[in-house]
Amino acid sequence: MTPKTPCELLAPAGSLEKLKIAIHYGADAVYLGGEKYSLRAHATNFNETEILSGVHYAHKHKVKVYVTVNIMAHNRDLRSLPGYLLFLRDAEVDGLIISDPGIFRTARQITPDIPIHLSTQANITNFESARFWIEQGAKRLNLARELSYSELCEVREKIDAEIEVFVHGALCISYSGRCMLSNYLTGRNANQGDCAHPCRYSYRLEEAKRPDQFFPVEEDQRGTYIFNSKDLCLINRLPALVKAGVDSVKIEGRMKGIYYAGGMVRIYRAALDAINEARQGNRGDNIELDACFMEEINKLGSRGYTENFFSTHPDSDEMRYEGPKVEQIYIPAATVNHTGRECRVTARHVIRPGDMLEYMGQKLTNIPFEVTSIINSEGNTLTQANPKMEITMQTRPAIDWTQHAIIRKIQPGNIA
């Protein structure tokens, strides 16, 4: 199970369906969380049966599976940990993502043959810290998101271990994701996987002697999103990261939907393939990616984008004060259930005959088509398919469909 390029593409798998979609679009590895010990407690997550199924499916497609065991553990969390680690060993997972030293030590004792990948929550910001964790037995280090590119390169030069870097996804207003704001405001502990995401809330100012009189921090009656960071996007920095010898580039987003999971993997897969092709063609190290990659990213929805600490210290321009998200033009219309010429799908939004949709093929191949008729599982012709319905569509033109692919459409109200 070696990567398709010198740099592994590591994708989020928030559910078994997302795992299969990520693999379809070209992930070299996926990471997922079980029902315990994961920092995304409100993702769908995997029960033990689903972990076994996911590992089997991934290995069948020559893709690795890493499991998050990355909470900051309390004493009570350690009681069932050995049994869970033994289960993951028997499931033949390819790595454990850990940040807590106690969980790390237990894993080294209980399951010494499973590689440990140190989570970004461990805050590795220098090469001596990296050396410490390597001495403890870490095989891979996910470096802190607070590092610049030059700092990353220096760490790479001074250590002999795999380096993993986040290249896309949500950013916390915290230090390497270790935040207590959720705990303070809602009682939900972010470091135990129960974050309420208060950094995305709208805030207003209240003067102590004027209770219940709220004042906008800026000129906006909705309040202001003072903690709402733009999303990380390093698509145009991938050539530099590959040149630096990064072993794995990671996409954040286990709680995101199928459209994000499949769409982002598809884009980063195509970008890494383009970089690999350029390097093999002896075009040097000064590779620039075509604008089409960023254009495609902008179709997937976001909070806006920032390169975070990559080349400079982020400032207020890296925040999104005017609202939680940028308007999303495209939405998922359906997922394909069958490989072949017959278009059998599960609807994700309302679909009607006459709709113009777009098939998201691999390698950034987008095929527009028209829905000419819709037939349900009983063979009846429909005037409308609703979400979750299993349907067969007749299309113009006919297309060779692939299972687990995504079909999208322009969101109503955005059609010119």
Protein backbone atom coordinates (compact mmCIF):
# COMPACT_ATOMS: atom_id res chain seq x y z
CA MET A 1 0.00 0.00 0.00
CA THR A 2 2.37 2.70 -1.23
CA PRO A 3 1.18 6.19 -2.15
CA LYS A 4 0.38 7.00 -5.77
CA THR A 5 2.89 9.86 -5.54
CA PRO A 6 5.92 10.52 -3.29
CA CYS A 7 3.55 12.30 -0.89
CA GLU A 8 0.62 10.46 0.72
CA LEU A 9 -2.85 12.02 0.45
CA LEU A 10 -4.63 11.50 3.77
CA ALA A 11 -8.40 12.03 3.75
CA PRO A 12 -11.07 12.37 6.46
CA ALA A 13 -13.57 9.54 6.83
CA GLY A 14 -16.40 10.68 9.07
CA SER A 15 -18.53 7.67 8.14
CA LEU A 16 -18.28 4.46 6.14
CA GLU A 17 -19.92 6.18 3.16
CA LYS A 18 -17.41 9.04 3.25
CA LEU A 19 -14.58 6.53 3.51
CA LYS A 20 -15.72 4.85 0.28
CA ILE A 21 -16.17 8.19 -1.49
CA ALA A 22 -12.71 9.38 -0.42
CA ILE A 23 -11.17 6.16 -1.69
CA HIS A 24 -13.07 6.46 -4.97
CA TYR A 25 -11.60 9.90 -5.55
CA GLY A 26 -8.03 8.85 -4.87
CA ALA A 27 -7.07 8.92 -1.18
CA ASP A 28 -3.90 6.99 -0.32
CA ALA A 29 -5.02 6.73 3.31
CA VAL A 30 -8.02 7.68 5.42
CA TYR A 31 -8.36 8.54 9.09
CA LEU A 32 -11.41 7.80 11.18
CA GLY A 33 -12.60 7.82 14.76
CA GLY A 34 -14.29 5.16 16.81
CA GLU A 35 -17.14 5.80 19.22
CA LYS A 36 -14.62 6.46 22.00
CA TYR A 37 -11.29 8.33 22.31
CA SER A 38 -11.89 10.50 19.23
CA LEU A 39 -11.77 14.31 19.13
CA ARG A 40 -14.80 14.43 16.85
CA ALA A 41 -17.44 12.99 19.16
CA HIS A 42 -20.24 14.54 17.10
CA ALA A 43 -19.11 13.06 13.80
CA THR A 44 -20.97 9.93 12.75
CA ASN A 45 -17.92 7.89 13.80
CA PHE A 46 -17.46 4.14 13.49
CA ASN A 47 -18.67 1.36 15.73
CA GLU A 48 -16.51 -1.74 15.90
CA THR A 49 -18.36 -3.51 13.10
CA GLU A 50 -17.93 -0.47 10.86
CA ILE A 51 -14.22 -0.21 11.69
CA LEU A 52 -13.76 -3.82 10.60
CA SER A 53 -15.76 -3.18 7.43
CA GLY A 54 -13.91 0.06 6.69
CA VAL A 55 -10.47 -1.49 7.14
CA HIS A 56 -11.44 -4.44 4.94
CA TYR A 57 -12.76 -2.14 2.20
CA ALA A 58 -9.76 0.16 2.35
CA HIS A 59 -7.19 -2.64 2.28
CA LYS A 60 -9.02 -4.24 -0.64
CA HIS A 61 -8.40 -0.98 -2.51
CA LYS A 62 -4.79 -0.71 -1.26
CA VAL A 63 -5.57 2.23 1.03
CA LYS A 64 -4.34 2.58 4.63
CA VAL A 65 -6.53 3.31 7.67
CA TYR A 66 -5.42 5.36 10.66
CA VAL A 67 -7.62 5.58 13.75
CA THR A 68 -7.81 8.62 16.01
CA VAL A 69 -7.23 7.88 19.70
CA ASN A 70 -6.49 11.53 20.32
CA ILE A 71 -8.50 12.81 23.29
CA MET A 72 -6.74 14.32 26.30
CA ALA A 73 -7.47 11.42 28.64
CA HIS A 74 -8.65 11.49 32.24
CA ASN A 75 -8.21 8.52 34.59
CA ARG A 76 -11.65 7.15 33.74
CA ASP A 77 -10.73 7.06 30.05
CA LEU A 78 -7.86 4.64 30.66
CA ARG A 79 -9.97 1.77 32.03
CA SER A 80 -11.27 0.46 28.72
CA LEU A 81 -8.33 1.68 26.62
CA PRO A 82 -6.30 -1.59 26.57
CA GLY A 83 -9.25 -3.57 25.26
CA TYR A 84 -9.95 -1.01 22.56
CA LEU A 85 -6.31 -0.98 21.45
CA LEU A 86 -6.31 -4.77 21.21
CA PHE A 87 -9.44 -4.59 19.08
CA LEU A 88 -7.73 -2.12 16.72
CA ARG A 89 -4.71 -4.42 16.53
CA ASP A 90 -6.92 -7.36 15.57
CA ALA A 91 -8.73 -5.15 13.03
CA GLU A 92 -5.31 -4.59 11.40
CA VAL A 93 -5.46 -0.80 11.35
CA ASP A 94 -2.34 0.81 9.91
CA GLY A 95 -1.71 3.47 12.53
CA LEU A 96 -2.94 5.19 15.68
CA ILE A 97 -3.25 8.98 15.87
CA ILE A 98 -2.41 9.97 19.47
CA SER A 99 -1.68 13.18 21.37
CA ASP A 100 -1.96 12.27 25.07
CA PRO A 101 1.29 10.92 26.60
CA GLY A 102 -0.65 8.45 28.77
CA ILE A 103 -2.48 6.97 25.79
CA PHE A 104 0.81 6.98 23.88
CA ARG A 105 2.57 5.02 26.64
CA THR A 106 -0.31 2.55 26.94
CA ALA A 107 -0.34 1.96 23.18
CA ARG A 108 3.41 1.33 23.17
CA GLN A 109 2.92 -1.31 25.85
CA ILE A 110 -0.30 -2.95 24.61
CA THR A 111 0.06 -2.72 20.83
CA PRO A 112 3.76 -2.08 20.11
CA ASP A 113 3.44 -3.23 16.48
CA ILE A 114 0.93 -0.55 15.46
CA PRO A 115 2.72 2.62 14.27
CA ILE A 116 1.91 5.73 16.29
CA HIS A 117 1.27 9.00 14.48
CA LEU A 118 1.56 11.98 16.80
CA SER A 119 -1.44 14.29 16.49
CA THR A 120 -1.16 18.01 15.82
CA GLN A 121 -2.65 18.40 19.33
CA ALA A 122 0.78 17.50 20.70
CA ASN A 123 2.01 20.94 19.53
CA ILE A 124 5.30 20.07 17.84
CA THR A 125 6.80 23.46 16.98
CA ASN A 126 10.54 22.64 17.04
CA PHE A 127 12.94 19.87 16.10
CA GLU A 128 13.93 19.02 19.70
CA SER A 129 10.29 18.35 20.55
CA ALA A 130 10.12 16.22 17.43
CA ARG A 131 13.22 14.29 18.50
CA PHE A 132 11.70 13.68 21.93
CA TRP A 133 8.58 12.04 20.48
CA ILE A 134 10.63 10.00 18.03
CA GLU A 135 12.66 8.68 20.97
CA GLN A 136 9.38 7.65 22.63
CA GLY A 137 8.50 5.60 19.55
CA ALA A 138 6.46 7.87 17.27
CA LYS A 139 6.78 6.90 13.61
CA ARG A 140 5.04 9.97 12.19
CA LEU A 141 4.63 13.55 13.43
CA ASN A 142 1.80 15.87 12.43
CA LEU A 143 3.49 19.21 12.97
CA ALA A 144 1.73 22.11 14.66
CA ARG A 145 -0.26 24.31 12.32
CA GLU A 146 1.53 27.32 13.82
CA LEU A 147 4.75 26.53 11.92
CA SER A 148 5.98 28.50 8.93
CA TYR A 149 7.32 26.76 5.85
CA SER A 150 10.92 27.59 6.75
CA GLU A 151 10.43 26.17 10.25
CA LEU A 152 8.87 23.04 8.78
CA CYS A 153 11.85 22.59 6.46
CA GLU A 154 14.29 22.90 9.36
CA VAL A 155 12.43 20.22 11.31
CA ARG A 156 12.47 18.01 8.21
CA GLU A 157 16.24 18.41 7.87
CA LYS A 158 16.97 17.54 11.50
CA ILE A 159 14.80 14.45 12.11
CA ASP A 160 14.44 10.97 10.72
CA ALA A 161 10.71 10.27 10.90
CA GLU A 162 7.66 10.75 8.72
CA ILE A 163 6.21 14.26 8.66
CA GLU A 164 2.52 14.95 8.12
CA VAL A 165 1.05 18.40 7.46
CA PHE A 166 -2.51 19.69 7.38
CA VAL A 167 -3.14 21.38 4.02
CA HIS A 168 -6.85 22.04 4.05
CA GLY A 169 -9.80 22.53 6.40
CA ALA A 170 -11.13 24.36 9.42
CA LEU A 171 -8.82 26.20 11.82
CA CYS A 172 -9.46 26.55 15.55
CA ILE A 173 -8.88 29.83 17.37
CA SER A 174 -6.55 28.07 19.77
CA TYR A 175 -3.03 26.69 19.96
CA SER A 176 -2.90 23.54 17.80
CA GLY A 177 -6.56 22.92 18.51
CA ARG A 178 -6.25 22.88 22.31
CA CYS A 179 -9.11 25.19 23.21
CA MET A 180 -11.18 25.69 26.37
CA LEU A 181 -13.74 28.17 25.03
CA SER A 182 -16.34 25.46 24.42
CA ASN A 183 -15.89 24.12 27.94
CA TYR A 184 -16.26 27.58 29.44
CA LEU A 185 -19.39 28.57 27.49
CA THR A 186 -21.25 25.28 27.15
CA GLY A 187 -19.62 22.73 29.46
CA ARG A 188 -18.61 20.66 26.42
CA ASN A 189 -14.92 19.73 26.51
CA ALA A 190 -13.21 20.21 23.13
CA ASN A 191 -10.22 18.17 24.27
CA GLN A 192 -12.52 15.23 24.94
CA GLY A 193 -14.06 15.40 21.47
CA ASP A 194 -17.19 17.36 22.46
CA CYS A 195 -16.52 20.82 21.00
CA ALA A 196 -19.58 23.06 20.52
CA HIS A 197 -17.61 25.27 18.06
CA PRO A 198 -18.24 28.56 19.88
CA CYS A 199 -15.59 30.19 17.67
CA ARG A 200 -18.27 30.13 14.94
CA TYR A 201 -20.88 31.93 17.09
CA SER A 202 -21.98 35.51 16.52
CA TYR A 203 -20.95 37.80 19.40
CA ARG A 204 -22.25 41.17 20.61
CA LEU A 205 -20.93 43.62 23.18
CA GLU A 206 -22.76 44.30 26.47
CA GLU A 207 -21.81 47.15 28.80
CA ALA A 208 -21.79 46.12 32.48
CA LYS A 209 -24.13 48.92 33.67
CA ARG A 210 -26.56 48.41 30.79
CA PRO A 211 -27.63 44.76 31.02
CA ASP A 212 -29.53 43.37 28.07
CA GLN A 213 -28.51 46.30 25.88
CA PHE A 214 -26.35 44.77 23.17
CA PHE A 215 -24.04 46.70 20.90
CA PRO A 216 -22.51 45.30 17.73
CA VAL A 217 -18.73 45.20 17.88
CA GLU A 218 -18.76 46.33 14.26
CA GLU A 219 -21.42 47.95 12.09
CA ASP A 220 -23.50 44.81 11.69
CA GLN A 221 -26.80 44.15 13.43
CA ARG A 222 -26.19 40.41 13.39
CA GLY A 223 -23.17 40.81 15.66
CA THR A 224 -19.67 39.89 14.63
CA TYR A 225 -17.78 36.62 14.23
CA ILE A 226 -14.69 37.66 16.17
CA PHE A 227 -13.20 34.15 16.50
CA ASN A 228 -14.20 32.83 13.07
CA SER A 229 -11.00 31.97 11.22
CA LYS A 230 -10.99 31.42 7.50
CA ASP A 231 -10.28 27.86 6.41
CA LEU A 232 -6.78 26.62 5.70
CA CYS A 233 -5.96 26.09 2.03
CA LEU A 234 -2.44 25.19 0.88
CA ILE A 235 -3.31 23.88 -2.58
CA ASN A 236 -0.88 26.30 -4.24
CA ARG A 237 1.83 25.37 -1.72
CA LEU A 238 1.72 21.65 -2.49
CA PRO A 239 4.76 21.80 -4.82
CA ALA A 240 6.83 23.37 -2.02
CA LEU A 241 5.65 20.80 0.53
CA VAL A 242 6.50 17.93 -1.82
CA LYS A 243 9.90 19.48 -2.50
CA ALA A 244 10.53 19.78 1.26
CA GLY A 245 10.03 16.04 1.70
CA VAL A 246 6.69 16.04 3.54
CA ASP A 247 5.50 12.43 3.71
CA SER A 248 1.76 13.03 4.04
CA VAL A 249 -0.62 15.91 3.36
CA LYS A 250 -3.82 15.82 5.37
CA ILE A 251 -7.29 17.19 4.74
CA GLU A 252 -9.37 18.15 7.80
CA GLY A 253 -13.10 17.46 7.82
CA ARG A 254 -14.52 14.32 9.43
CA MET A 255 -17.66 16.29 10.31
CA LYS A 256 -18.10 17.70 6.79
CA GLY A 257 -20.53 16.27 4.23
CA ILE A 258 -19.95 13.90 1.33
CA TYR A 259 -19.60 16.75 -1.17
CA TYR A 260 -16.66 18.20 0.75
CA ALA A 261 -15.11 14.79 1.47
CA GLY A 262 -15.18 13.65 -2.13
CA GLY A 263 -14.61 17.02 -3.74
CA MET A 264 -11.52 17.98 -1.76
CA VAL A 265 -9.90 14.58 -2.15
CA ARG A 266 -10.52 14.72 -5.89
CA ILE A 267 -8.84 18.13 -6.18
CA TYR A 268 -5.80 17.35 -4.03
CA ARG A 269 -5.37 13.99 -5.76
CA ALA A 270 -5.32 15.68 -9.17
CA ALA A 271 -2.91 18.34 -7.88
CA LEU A 272 -0.47 15.79 -6.46
CA ASP A 273 -0.64 13.82 -9.70
CA ALA A 274 0.13 16.98 -11.67
CA ILE A 275 3.11 17.72 -9.44
CA ASN A 276 4.37 14.16 -9.80
CA GLU A 277 4.04 14.33 -13.57
CA ALA A 278 5.97 17.60 -13.67
CA ARG A 279 8.75 16.20 -11.48
CA GLN A 280 9.06 13.05 -13.58
CA GLY A 281 9.20 15.22 -16.67
CA ASN A 282 12.29 16.97 -15.28
CA ARG A 283 10.52 20.32 -15.18
CA GLY A 284 12.44 21.28 -12.05
CA ASP A 285 11.24 22.14 -8.57
CA ASN A 286 9.66 25.50 -9.39
CA ILE A 287 6.27 24.02 -10.21
CA GLU A 288 3.16 26.16 -10.26
CA LEU A 289 -0.29 24.61 -10.26
CA ASP A 290 -2.89 25.67 -12.78
CA ALA A 291 -5.64 28.02 -11.58
CA CYS A 292 -8.21 25.30 -12.26
CA PHE A 293 -7.47 23.66 -8.89
CA MET A 294 -8.37 26.76 -6.89
CA GLU A 295 -11.38 27.37 -9.15
CA GLU A 296 -12.65 23.91 -8.33
CA ILE A 297 -12.03 24.37 -4.60
CA ASN A 298 -14.16 27.52 -4.69
CA LYS A 299 -17.13 25.41 -5.82
CA LEU A 300 -17.15 23.40 -2.58
CA GLY A 301 -18.08 26.01 0.04
CA SER A 302 -15.91 27.41 2.82
CA ARG A 303 -15.37 30.24 5.30
CA GLY A 304 -12.95 31.81 2.85
CA TYR A 305 -9.32 30.73 2.72
CA THR A 306 -6.02 31.49 4.39
CA GLU A 307 -2.51 30.06 4.20
CA ASN A 308 -2.28 30.55 7.96
CA PHE A 309 1.37 30.63 9.16
CA PHE A 310 2.91 29.27 5.93
CA SER A 311 4.78 32.38 4.84
CA THR A 312 3.85 35.07 7.37
CA HIS A 313 2.14 35.56 10.70
CA PRO A 314 -1.66 35.65 10.17
CA ASP A 315 -3.53 38.83 11.04
CA SER A 316 -7.11 40.11 10.99
CA ASP A 317 -7.30 39.51 7.23
CA GLU A 318 -7.32 35.77 7.96
CA MET A 319 -10.60 36.10 9.89
CA ARG A 320 -14.13 36.11 8.53
CA TYR A 321 -16.09 38.69 10.51
CA GLU A 322 -19.15 39.09 8.29
CA GLY A 323 -20.70 35.66 8.78
CA PRO A 324 -19.91 32.00 9.41
CA LYS A 325 -19.47 30.91 5.79
CA VAL A 326 -19.04 32.02 2.20
CA GLU A 327 -22.14 31.38 0.09
CA GLN A 328 -21.97 27.93 -1.49
CA ILE A 329 -23.05 27.90 -5.14
CA TYR A 330 -22.93 24.14 -5.80
CA ILE A 331 -24.62 21.43 -3.71
CA PRO A 332 -24.59 17.63 -3.97
CA ALA A 333 -27.55 16.33 -5.98
CA ALA A 334 -26.93 12.57 -5.79
CA THR A 335 -24.40 9.80 -5.22
CA VAL A 336 -23.95 7.02 -7.76
CA ASN A 337 -24.87 3.53 -6.58
CA HIS A 338 -23.78 1.44 -9.56
CA THR A 339 -20.89 1.24 -12.02
CA GLY A 340 -22.02 1.06 -15.63
CA ARG A 341 -24.21 2.82 -18.19
CA GLU A 342 -27.37 2.76 -16.05
CA CYS A 343 -27.65 5.85 -13.84
CA ARG A 344 -28.77 4.45 -10.47
CA VAL A 345 -28.36 6.97 -7.67
CA THR A 346 -29.41 8.07 -4.20
CA ALA A 347 -30.85 11.58 -4.31
CA ARG A 348 -29.29 14.11 -1.90
CA HIS A 349 -31.42 17.09 -2.90
CA VAL A 350 -34.56 17.53 -4.95
CA ILE A 351 -34.09 16.43 -8.57
CA ARG A 352 -36.61 17.00 -11.39
CA PRO A 353 -36.68 16.13 -15.09
CA GLY A 354 -35.09 18.98 -17.00
CA ASP A 355 -32.53 19.71 -14.29
CA MET A 356 -28.99 20.40 -15.48
CA LEU A 357 -26.56 18.47 -13.27
CA GLU A 358 -22.82 17.79 -13.30
CA TYR A 359 -21.08 14.44 -12.85
CA MET A 360 -17.88 14.78 -10.82
CA GLY A 361 -15.52 12.33 -12.46
CA GLN A 362 -12.04 11.52 -11.30
CA LYS A 363 -9.07 13.70 -12.29
CA LEU A 364 -11.26 16.84 -12.24
CA THR A 365 -13.39 15.61 -15.14
CA ASN A 366 -16.74 17.42 -14.92
CA ILE A 367 -19.49 16.20 -17.26
CA PRO A 368 -22.66 18.33 -17.48
CA PHE A 369 -25.87 16.53 -18.35
CA GLU A 370 -29.63 16.93 -18.42
CA VAL A 371 -32.06 14.72 -16.51
CA THR A 372 -34.65 13.56 -19.04
CA SER A 373 -36.67 11.23 -16.79
CA ILE A 374 -36.73 9.80 -13.26
CA ILE A 375 -37.90 6.32 -12.29
CA ASN A 376 -38.29 5.04 -8.74
CA SER A 377 -37.47 1.57 -7.40
CA GLU A 378 -41.03 0.37 -8.21
CA GLY A 379 -40.66 1.37 -11.85
CA ASN A 380 -42.88 4.44 -11.66
CA THR A 381 -42.02 7.63 -13.51
CA LEU A 382 -41.63 10.61 -11.18
CA THR A 383 -41.94 14.36 -11.59
CA GLN A 384 -39.64 14.87 -8.60
CA ALA A 385 -37.14 12.85 -6.57
CA ASN A 386 -36.63 13.84 -2.93
CA PRO A 387 -33.55 13.34 -0.74
CA LYS A 388 -32.70 9.74 0.21
CA MET A 389 -34.80 8.26 -2.62
CA GLU A 390 -33.22 5.46 -4.68
CA ILE A 391 -33.89 6.32 -8.32
CA THR A 392 -32.79 5.64 -11.89
CA MET A 393 -32.27 8.64 -14.15
CA GLN A 394 -32.26 8.84 -17.91
CA THR A 395 -29.73 11.45 -18.99
CA ARG A 396 -28.60 13.41 -22.02
CA PRO A 397 -25.84 12.59 -22.86
CA ALA A 398 -25.41 9.03 -21.63
CA ILE A 399 -22.45 8.62 -19.27
CA ASP A 400 -20.31 5.76 -17.97
CA TRP A 401 -21.10 5.99 -14.26
CA THR A 402 -18.85 4.87 -11.41
CA GLN A 403 -20.09 3.78 -7.98
CA HIS A 404 -19.47 6.27 -5.14
CA ALA A 405 -19.09 9.23 -7.50
CA ILE A 406 -20.93 12.48 -6.73
CA ILE A 407 -23.37 14.39 -8.90
CA ARG A 408 -23.81 18.09 -8.11
CA LYS A 409 -25.99 20.99 -9.18
CA ILE A 410 -26.06 24.75 -8.86
CA GLN A 411 -28.00 25.70 -5.75
CA PRO A 412 -31.40 27.24 -6.51
CA GLY A 413 -31.13 31.02 -6.55
CA ASN A 414 -27.60 30.97 -7.99
CA ILE A 415 -28.53 30.22 -11.59
CA ALA A 416 -27.69 33.16 -13.83
